[in-house]
Amino acid sequence: MGKPARLECRVASVGSSNQITWDRAGVELDDQALQKRVVYNETEAEQMSSLLIEEVSEEDFGTYGCKASNEVGVTYVSIALEQKG
């Protein structure tokens, strides 16, 4: 609570038009989301997207989704942000 959190999604793909998106409860998130930023990094081997939450509050806990897509297909993974202690 009150500290930053980073959720990471890494994608290794042979596709050429890779796209990574985040959602929460089916609603797509972007860098306009309140107190959340989406950062993208790319190397020759992979793409990485980080969802940054500046100060975690009670309402931030829950399940987030990361979807990676390109001309070959789509894959989706759920990531849970849980309070410890």
PDB file of N, CA and C in Angstrom:
ATOM      1  N   MET A   1       0.840  -1.176   0.000  1.00  0.00           N
ATOM      2  CA  MET A   1       0.000   0.000   0.000  1.00  0.00           C
ATOM      3  C   MET A   1       0.891   1.248   0.000  1.00  0.00           C
ATOM      4  N   GLY A   2       0.572   2.160  -0.916  1.00  0.00           N
ATOM      5  CA  GLY A   2       1.291   3.419  -0.978  1.00  0.00           C
ATOM      6  C   GLY A   2       2.628   3.360  -1.678  1.00  0.00           C
ATOM      7  N   LYS A   3       3.048   2.171  -2.094  1.00  0.00           N
ATOM      8  CA  LYS A   3       4.334   2.004  -2.769  1.00  0.00           C
ATOM      9  C   LYS A   3       4.088   1.697  -4.245  1.00  0.00           C
ATOM     10  N   PRO A   4       5.114   1.867  -5.078  1.00  0.00           N
ATOM     11  CA  PRO A   4       4.934   1.563  -6.500  1.00  0.00           C
ATOM     12  C   PRO A   4       4.902   0.059  -6.755  1.00  0.00           C
ATOM     13  N   ALA A   5       4.268  -0.324  -7.869  1.00  0.00           N
ATOM     14  CA  ALA A   5       4.228  -1.719  -8.317  1.00  0.00           C
ATOM     15  C   ALA A   5       4.487  -1.748  -9.819  1.00  0.00           C
ATOM     16  N   ARG A   6       5.114  -2.821 -10.281  1.00  0.00           N
ATOM     17  CA  ARG A   6       5.393  -2.998 -11.705  1.00  0.00           C
ATOM     18  C   ARG A   6       4.946  -4.403 -12.112  1.00  0.00           C
ATOM     19  N   LEU A   7       4.053  -4.486 -13.096  1.00  0.00           N
ATOM     20  CA  LEU A   7       3.648  -5.758 -13.679  1.00  0.00           C
ATOM     21  C   LEU A   7       4.304  -5.834 -15.049  1.00  0.00           C
ATOM     22  N   GLU A   8       4.980  -6.956 -15.344  1.00  0.00           N
ATOM     23  CA  GLU A   8       5.701  -7.068 -16.616  1.00  0.00           C
ATOM     24  C   GLU A   8       5.135  -8.170 -17.481  1.00  0.00           C
ATOM     25  N   CYS A   9       5.120  -7.899 -18.764  1.00  0.00           N
ATOM     26  CA  CYS A   9       4.675  -8.866 -19.763  1.00  0.00           C
ATOM     27  C   CYS A   9       5.756  -8.916 -20.846  1.00  0.00           C
ATOM     28  N   ARG A  10       6.381 -10.075 -21.020  1.00  0.00           N
ATOM     29  CA  ARG A  10       7.454 -10.234 -22.007  1.00  0.00           C
ATOM     30  C   ARG A  10       6.981 -11.148 -23.124  1.00  0.00           C
ATOM     31  N   VAL A  11       7.295 -10.750 -24.354  1.00  0.00           N
ATOM     32  CA  VAL A  11       6.848 -11.496 -25.519  1.00  0.00           C
ATOM     33  C   VAL A  11       8.028 -11.749 -26.449  1.00  0.00           C
ATOM     34  N   ALA A  12       8.261 -13.005 -26.784  1.00  0.00           N
ATOM     35  CA  ALA A  12       9.239 -13.375 -27.806  1.00  0.00           C
ATOM     36  C   ALA A  12       8.446 -13.879 -28.998  1.00  0.00           C
ATOM     37  N   SER A  13       8.682 -13.292 -30.173  1.00  0.00           N
ATOM     38  CA  SER A  13       7.849 -13.627 -31.315  1.00  0.00           C
ATOM     39  C   SER A  13       8.628 -13.493 -32.611  1.00  0.00           C
ATOM     40  N   VAL A  14       8.209 -14.291 -33.595  1.00  0.00           N
ATOM     41  CA  VAL A  14       8.781 -14.164 -34.934  1.00  0.00           C
ATOM     42  C   VAL A  14       7.940 -13.231 -35.799  1.00  0.00           C
ATOM     43  N   GLY A  15       6.821 -12.777 -35.286  1.00  0.00           N
ATOM     44  CA  GLY A  15       5.932 -11.881 -36.027  1.00  0.00           C
ATOM     45  C   GLY A  15       6.541 -10.503 -36.195  1.00  0.00           C
ATOM     46  N   SER A  16       5.990  -9.731 -37.101  1.00  0.00           N
ATOM     47  CA  SER A  16       6.552  -8.417 -37.390  1.00  0.00           C
ATOM     48  C   SER A  16       5.680  -7.266 -36.885  1.00  0.00           C
ATOM     49  N   SER A  17       4.425  -7.540 -36.570  1.00  0.00           N
ATOM     50  CA  SER A  17       3.532  -6.452 -36.132  1.00  0.00           C
ATOM     51  C   SER A  17       3.007  -6.739 -34.722  1.00  0.00           C
ATOM     52  N   ASN A  18       3.938  -6.908 -33.780  1.00  0.00           N
ATOM     53  CA  ASN A  18       3.583  -7.260 -32.404  1.00  0.00           C
ATOM     54  C   ASN A  18       2.927  -6.087 -31.694  1.00  0.00           C
ATOM     55  N   GLN A  19       1.883  -6.405 -30.918  1.00  0.00           N
ATOM     56  CA  GLN A  19       1.195  -5.395 -30.117  1.00  0.00           C
ATOM     57  C   GLN A  19       0.904  -5.993 -28.753  1.00  0.00           C
ATOM     58  N   ILE A  20       1.176  -5.221 -27.685  1.00  0.00           N
ATOM     59  CA  ILE A  20       0.908  -5.663 -26.325  1.00  0.00           C
ATOM     60  C   ILE A  20      -0.059  -4.663 -25.697  1.00  0.00           C
ATOM     61  N   THR A  21      -1.151  -5.184 -25.124  1.00  0.00           N
ATOM     62  CA  THR A  21      -2.122  -4.320 -24.445  1.00  0.00           C
ATOM     63  C   THR A  21      -2.423  -4.880 -23.056  1.00  0.00           C
ATOM     64  N   TRP A  22      -2.836  -3.989 -22.151  1.00  0.00           N
ATOM     65  CA  TRP A  22      -3.203  -4.345 -20.787  1.00  0.00           C
ATOM     66  C   TRP A  22      -4.686  -4.087 -20.571  1.00  0.00           C
ATOM     67  N   ASP A  23      -5.309  -4.893 -19.698  1.00  0.00           N
ATOM     68  CA  ASP A  23      -6.694  -4.618 -19.310  1.00  0.00           C
ATOM     69  C   ASP A  23      -6.884  -4.903 -17.834  1.00  0.00           C
ATOM     70  N   ARG A  24      -7.966  -4.382 -17.318  1.00  0.00           N
ATOM     71  CA  ARG A  24      -8.388  -4.669 -15.944  1.00  0.00           C
ATOM     72  C   ARG A  24      -9.888  -4.847 -15.992  1.00  0.00           C
ATOM     73  N   ALA A  25     -10.371  -6.028 -15.623  1.00  0.00           N
ATOM     74  CA  ALA A  25     -11.805  -6.353 -15.665  1.00  0.00           C
ATOM     75  C   ALA A  25     -12.376  -6.123 -17.066  1.00  0.00           C
ATOM     76  N   GLY A  26     -11.589  -6.477 -18.093  1.00  0.00           N
ATOM     77  CA  GLY A  26     -12.056  -6.373 -19.471  1.00  0.00           C
ATOM     78  C   GLY A  26     -11.968  -4.986 -20.081  1.00  0.00           C
ATOM     79  N   VAL A  27     -11.513  -3.994 -19.301  1.00  0.00           N
ATOM     80  CA  VAL A  27     -11.396  -2.626 -19.804  1.00  0.00           C
ATOM     81  C   VAL A  27      -9.928  -2.355 -20.115  1.00  0.00           C
ATOM     82  N   GLU A  28      -9.645  -2.022 -21.376  1.00  0.00           N
ATOM     83  CA  GLU A  28      -8.268  -1.780 -21.782  1.00  0.00           C
ATOM     84  C   GLU A  28      -7.689  -0.568 -21.049  1.00  0.00           C
ATOM     85  N   LEU A  29      -6.449  -0.725 -20.570  1.00  0.00           N
ATOM     86  CA  LEU A  29      -5.735   0.347 -19.884  1.00  0.00           C
ATOM     87  C   LEU A  29      -4.733   0.967 -20.842  1.00  0.00           C
ATOM     88  N   ASP A  30      -4.442   2.224 -20.644  1.00  0.00           N
ATOM     89  CA  ASP A  30      -3.377   2.875 -21.385  1.00  0.00           C
ATOM     90  C   ASP A  30      -2.696   3.868 -20.463  1.00  0.00           C
ATOM     91  N   ASP A  31      -1.756   4.635 -20.995  1.00  0.00           N
ATOM     92  CA  ASP A  31      -1.024   5.555 -20.134  1.00  0.00           C
ATOM     93  C   ASP A  31      -1.861   6.746 -19.681  1.00  0.00           C
ATOM     94  N   GLN A  32      -3.122   6.809 -20.095  1.00  0.00           N
ATOM     95  CA  GLN A  32      -4.030   7.840 -19.606  1.00  0.00           C
ATOM     96  C   GLN A  32      -4.760   7.392 -18.334  1.00  0.00           C
ATOM     97  N   ALA A  33      -4.615   6.104 -17.978  1.00  0.00           N
ATOM     98  CA  ALA A  33      -5.297   5.586 -16.792  1.00  0.00           C
ATOM     99  C   ALA A  33      -4.741   6.269 -15.536  1.00  0.00           C
ATOM    100  N   LEU A  34      -5.613   6.550 -14.602  1.00  0.00           N
ATOM    101  CA  LEU A  34      -5.249   7.268 -13.380  1.00  0.00           C
ATOM    102  C   LEU A  34      -4.141   6.540 -12.626  1.00  0.00           C
ATOM    103  N   GLN A  35      -3.037   7.236 -12.395  1.00  0.00           N
ATOM    104  CA  GLN A  35      -1.878   6.753 -11.649  1.00  0.00           C
ATOM    105  C   GLN A  35      -1.281   5.458 -12.205  1.00  0.00           C
ATOM    106  N   LYS A  36      -1.468   5.210 -13.502  1.00  0.00           N
ATOM    107  CA  LYS A  36      -0.860   4.040 -14.124  1.00  0.00           C
ATOM    108  C   LYS A  36      -0.166   4.478 -15.414  1.00  0.00           C
ATOM    109  N   ARG A  37       0.981   3.889 -15.692  1.00  0.00           N
ATOM    110  CA  ARG A  37       1.689   4.170 -16.928  1.00  0.00           C
ATOM    111  C   ARG A  37       2.043   2.856 -17.592  1.00  0.00           C
ATOM    112  N   VAL A  38       1.999   2.844 -18.914  1.00  0.00           N
ATOM    113  CA  VAL A  38       2.402   1.679 -19.686  1.00  0.00           C
ATOM    114  C   VAL A  38       3.698   2.043 -20.401  1.00  0.00           C
ATOM    115  N   VAL A  39       4.744   1.230 -20.190  1.00  0.00           N
ATOM    116  CA  VAL A  39       6.053   1.482 -20.776  1.00  0.00           C
ATOM    117  C   VAL A  39       6.418   0.294 -21.653  1.00  0.00           C
ATOM    118  N   TYR A  40       6.930   0.572 -22.855  1.00  0.00           N
ATOM    119  CA  TYR A  40       7.319  -0.484 -23.788  1.00  0.00           C
ATOM    120  C   TYR A  40       8.822  -0.449 -24.021  1.00  0.00           C
ATOM    121  N   ASN A  41       9.431  -1.625 -24.066  1.00  0.00           N
ATOM    122  CA  ASN A  41      10.843  -1.782 -24.414  1.00  0.00           C
ATOM    123  C   ASN A  41      10.940  -2.898 -25.440  1.00  0.00           C
ATOM    124  N   GLU A  42      11.876  -2.759 -26.370  1.00  0.00           N
ATOM    125  CA  GLU A  42      12.018  -3.775 -27.412  1.00  0.00           C
ATOM    126  C   GLU A  42      13.494  -4.053 -27.660  1.00  0.00           C
ATOM    127  N   THR A  43      13.826  -5.352 -27.784  1.00  0.00           N
ATOM    128  CA  THR A  43      15.164  -5.785 -28.186  1.00  0.00           C
ATOM    129  C   THR A  43      14.996  -6.652 -29.422  1.00  0.00           C
ATOM    130  N   GLU A  44      16.087  -7.173 -29.924  1.00  0.00           N
ATOM    131  CA  GLU A  44      16.001  -8.061 -31.088  1.00  0.00           C
ATOM    132  C   GLU A  44      15.260  -9.348 -30.752  1.00  0.00           C
ATOM    133  N   ALA A  45      15.338  -9.787 -29.494  1.00  0.00           N
ATOM    134  CA  ALA A  45      14.772 -11.077 -29.102  1.00  0.00           C
ATOM    135  C   ALA A  45      13.364 -10.999 -28.533  1.00  0.00           C
ATOM    136  N   GLU A  46      12.984  -9.851 -27.941  1.00  0.00           N
ATOM    137  CA  GLU A  46      11.682  -9.794 -27.293  1.00  0.00           C
ATOM    138  C   GLU A  46      11.179  -8.359 -27.158  1.00  0.00           C
ATOM    139  N   GLN A  47       9.887  -8.276 -26.856  1.00  0.00           N
ATOM    140  CA  GLN A  47       9.271  -7.018 -26.488  1.00  0.00           C
ATOM    141  C   GLN A  47       8.808  -7.155 -25.043  1.00  0.00           C
ATOM    142  N   MET A  48       8.892  -6.051 -24.295  1.00  0.00           N
ATOM    143  CA  MET A  48       8.439  -6.074 -22.917  1.00  0.00           C
ATOM    144  C   MET A  48       7.553  -4.860 -22.673  1.00  0.00           C
ATOM    145  N   SER A  49       6.442  -5.098 -22.007  1.00  0.00           N
ATOM    146  CA  SER A  49       5.562  -4.014 -21.607  1.00  0.00           C
ATOM    147  C   SER A  49       5.422  -4.069 -20.097  1.00  0.00           C
ATOM    148  N   SER A  50       5.575  -2.913 -19.457  1.00  0.00           N
ATOM    149  CA  SER A  50       5.435  -2.815 -18.005  1.00  0.00           C
ATOM    150  C   SER A  50       4.256  -1.921 -17.686  1.00  0.00           C
ATOM    151  N   LEU A  51       3.404  -2.385 -16.786  1.00  0.00           N
ATOM    152  CA  LEU A  51       2.316  -1.569 -16.258  1.00  0.00           C
ATOM    153  C   LEU A  51       2.790  -1.054 -14.906  1.00  0.00           C
ATOM    154  N   LEU A  52       2.977   0.259 -14.810  1.00  0.00           N
ATOM    155  CA  LEU A  52       3.510   0.869 -13.593  1.00  0.00           C
ATOM    156  C   LEU A  52       2.392   1.553 -12.821  1.00  0.00           C
ATOM    157  N   ILE A  53       2.279   1.226 -11.551  1.00  0.00           N
ATOM    158  CA  ILE A  53       1.319   1.872 -10.664  1.00  0.00           C
ATOM    159  C   ILE A  53       2.145   2.669  -9.666  1.00  0.00           C
ATOM    160  N   GLU A  54       2.018   3.985  -9.686  1.00  0.00           N
ATOM    161  CA  GLU A  54       2.871   4.876  -8.892  1.00  0.00           C
ATOM    162  C   GLU A  54       2.709   4.645  -7.395  1.00  0.00           C
ATOM    163  N   GLU A  55       1.481   4.637  -6.887  1.00  0.00           N
ATOM    164  CA  GLU A  55       1.201   4.389  -5.474  1.00  0.00           C
ATOM    165  C   GLU A  55       0.025   3.427  -5.387  1.00  0.00           C
ATOM    166  N   VAL A  56       0.289   2.201  -5.000  1.00  0.00           N
ATOM    167  CA  VAL A  56      -0.755   1.182  -4.941  1.00  0.00           C
ATOM    168  C   VAL A  56      -1.750   1.514  -3.840  1.00  0.00           C
ATOM    169  N   SER A  57      -3.031   1.478  -4.199  1.00  0.00           N
ATOM    170  CA  SER A  57      -4.104   1.660  -3.228  1.00  0.00           C
ATOM    171  C   SER A  57      -4.970   0.402  -3.226  1.00  0.00           C
ATOM    172  N   GLU A  58      -5.887   0.322  -2.300  1.00  0.00           N
ATOM    173  CA  GLU A  58      -6.775  -0.841  -2.165  1.00  0.00           C
ATOM    174  C   GLU A  58      -7.470  -1.169  -3.485  1.00  0.00           C
ATOM    175  N   GLU A  59      -7.886  -0.163  -4.216  1.00  0.00           N
ATOM    176  CA  GLU A  59      -8.626  -0.379  -5.470  1.00  0.00           C
ATOM    177  C   GLU A  59      -7.756  -0.928  -6.602  1.00  0.00           C
ATOM    178  N   ASP A  60      -6.420  -0.883  -6.447  1.00  0.00           N
ATOM    179  CA  ASP A  60      -5.526  -1.403  -7.485  1.00  0.00           C
ATOM    180  C   ASP A  60      -5.364  -2.916  -7.411  1.00  0.00           C
ATOM    181  N   PHE A  61      -5.674  -3.518  -6.257  1.00  0.00           N
ATOM    182  CA  PHE A  61      -5.517  -4.961  -6.134  1.00  0.00           C
ATOM    183  C   PHE A  61      -6.548  -5.669  -6.993  1.00  0.00           C
ATOM    184  N   GLY A  62      -6.132  -6.767  -7.596  1.00  0.00           N
ATOM    185  CA  GLY A  62      -7.031  -7.535  -8.452  1.00  0.00           C
ATOM    186  C   GLY A  62      -6.262  -8.150  -9.610  1.00  0.00           C
ATOM    187  N   THR A  63      -6.994  -8.558 -10.628  1.00  0.00           N
ATOM    188  CA  THR A  63      -6.406  -9.257 -11.763  1.00  0.00           C
ATOM    189  C   THR A  63      -6.307  -8.339 -12.973  1.00  0.00           C
ATOM    190  N   TYR A  64      -5.136  -8.328 -13.555  1.00  0.00           N
ATOM    191  CA  TYR A  64      -4.848  -7.578 -14.772  1.00  0.00           C
ATOM    192  C   TYR A  64      -4.588  -8.577 -15.891  1.00  0.00           C
ATOM    193  N   GLY A  65      -4.799  -8.163 -17.111  1.00  0.00           N
ATOM    194  CA  GLY A  65      -4.552  -9.033 -18.243  1.00  0.00           C
ATOM    195  C   GLY A  65      -3.572  -8.405 -19.210  1.00  0.00           C
ATOM    196  N   CYS A  66      -2.719  -9.233 -19.782  1.00  0.00           N
ATOM    197  CA  CYS A  66      -1.774  -8.801 -20.804  1.00  0.00           C
ATOM    198  C   CYS A  66      -2.063  -9.606 -22.066  1.00  0.00           C
ATOM    199  N   LYS A  67      -2.342  -8.905 -23.157  1.00  0.00           N
ATOM    200  CA  LYS A  67      -2.627  -9.568 -24.432  1.00  0.00           C
ATOM    201  C   LYS A  67      -1.550  -9.195 -25.437  1.00  0.00           C
ATOM    202  N   ALA A  68      -0.952 -10.209 -26.038  1.00  0.00           N
ATOM    203  CA  ALA A  68       0.031 -10.007 -27.098  1.00  0.00           C
ATOM    204  C   ALA A  68      -0.560 -10.548 -28.392  1.00  0.00           C
ATOM    205  N   SER A  69      -0.469  -9.756 -29.445  1.00  0.00           N
ATOM    206  CA  SER A  69      -1.035 -10.189 -30.718  1.00  0.00           C
ATOM    207  C   SER A  69      -0.152  -9.736 -31.879  1.00  0.00           C
ATOM    208  N   ASN A  70      -0.233 -10.481 -32.960  1.00  0.00           N
ATOM    209  CA  ASN A  70       0.403 -10.127 -34.222  1.00  0.00           C
ATOM    210  C   ASN A  70      -0.280 -10.915 -35.332  1.00  0.00           C
ATOM    211  N   GLU A  71       0.304 -10.915 -36.520  1.00  0.00           N
ATOM    212  CA  GLU A  71      -0.332 -11.584 -37.650  1.00  0.00           C
ATOM    213  C   GLU A  71      -0.378 -13.107 -37.497  1.00  0.00           C
ATOM    214  N   VAL A  72       0.378 -13.661 -36.570  1.00  0.00           N
ATOM    215  CA  VAL A  72       0.412 -15.108 -36.343  1.00  0.00           C
ATOM    216  C   VAL A  72      -0.689 -15.548 -35.380  1.00  0.00           C
ATOM    217  N   GLY A  73      -1.035 -14.703 -34.402  1.00  0.00           N
ATOM    218  CA  GLY A  73      -2.065 -15.087 -33.443  1.00  0.00           C
ATOM    219  C   GLY A  73      -2.119 -14.162 -32.241  1.00  0.00           C
ATOM    220  N   VAL A  74      -2.825 -14.653 -31.211  1.00  0.00           N
ATOM    221  CA  VAL A  74      -3.054 -13.878 -29.991  1.00  0.00           C
ATOM    222  C   VAL A  74      -2.807 -14.787 -28.789  1.00  0.00           C
ATOM    223  N   THR A  75      -2.193 -14.233 -27.746  1.00  0.00           N
ATOM    224  CA  THR A  75      -2.072 -14.956 -26.487  1.00  0.00           C
ATOM    225  C   THR A  75      -2.404 -13.991 -25.352  1.00  0.00           C
ATOM    226  N   TYR A  76      -2.916 -14.540 -24.252  1.00  0.00           N
ATOM    227  CA  TYR A  76      -3.394 -13.711 -23.143  1.00  0.00           C
ATOM    228  C   TYR A  76      -2.980 -14.371 -21.834  1.00  0.00           C
ATOM    229  N   VAL A  77      -2.531 -13.548 -20.894  1.00  0.00           N
ATOM    230  CA  VAL A  77      -2.166 -14.064 -19.577  1.00  0.00           C
ATOM    231  C   VAL A  77      -2.746 -13.135 -18.513  1.00  0.00           C
ATOM    232  N   SER A  78      -3.192 -13.719 -17.400  1.00  0.00           N
ATOM    233  CA  SER A  78      -3.698 -12.943 -16.275  1.00  0.00           C
ATOM    234  C   SER A  78      -2.613 -12.825 -15.213  1.00  0.00           C
ATOM    235  N   ILE A  79      -2.527 -11.641 -14.603  1.00  0.00           N
ATOM    236  CA  ILE A  79      -1.543 -11.380 -13.557  1.00  0.00           C
ATOM    237  C   ILE A  79      -2.285 -10.797 -12.358  1.00  0.00           C
ATOM    238  N   ALA A  80      -2.140 -11.419 -11.197  1.00  0.00           N
ATOM    239  CA  ALA A  80      -2.841 -10.952  -9.997  1.00  0.00           C
ATOM    240  C   ALA A  80      -1.939 -10.044  -9.174  1.00  0.00           C
ATOM    241  N   LEU A  81      -2.447  -8.894  -8.804  1.00  0.00           N
ATOM    242  CA  LEU A  81      -1.760  -7.998  -7.879  1.00  0.00           C
ATOM    243  C   LEU A  81      -2.464  -8.158  -6.535  1.00  0.00           C
ATOM    244  N   GLU A  82      -1.724  -8.757  -5.566  1.00  0.00           N
ATOM    245  CA  GLU A  82      -2.330  -9.082  -4.279  1.00  0.00           C
ATOM    246  C   GLU A  82      -1.597  -8.392  -3.151  1.00  0.00           C
ATOM    247  N   GLN A  83      -2.330  -8.079  -2.098  1.00  0.00           N
ATOM    248  CA  GLN A  83      -1.748  -7.451  -0.924  1.00  0.00           C
ATOM    249  C   GLN A  83      -1.142  -8.531  -0.047  1.00  0.00           C
ATOM    250  N   LYS A  84       0.092  -8.296   0.410  1.00  0.00           N
ATOM    251  CA  LYS A  84       0.765  -9.232   1.312  1.00  0.00           C
ATOM    252  C   LYS A  84       0.605  -8.751   2.737  1.00  0.00           C
ATOM    253  N   GLY A  85       0.429  -9.707   3.638  1.00  0.00           N
ATOM    254  CA  GLY A  85       0.389  -9.379   5.054  1.00  0.00           C
ATOM    255  C   GLY A  85      -0.875  -8.928   5.505  1.00  0.00           C
TER     256      GLY A  85
END
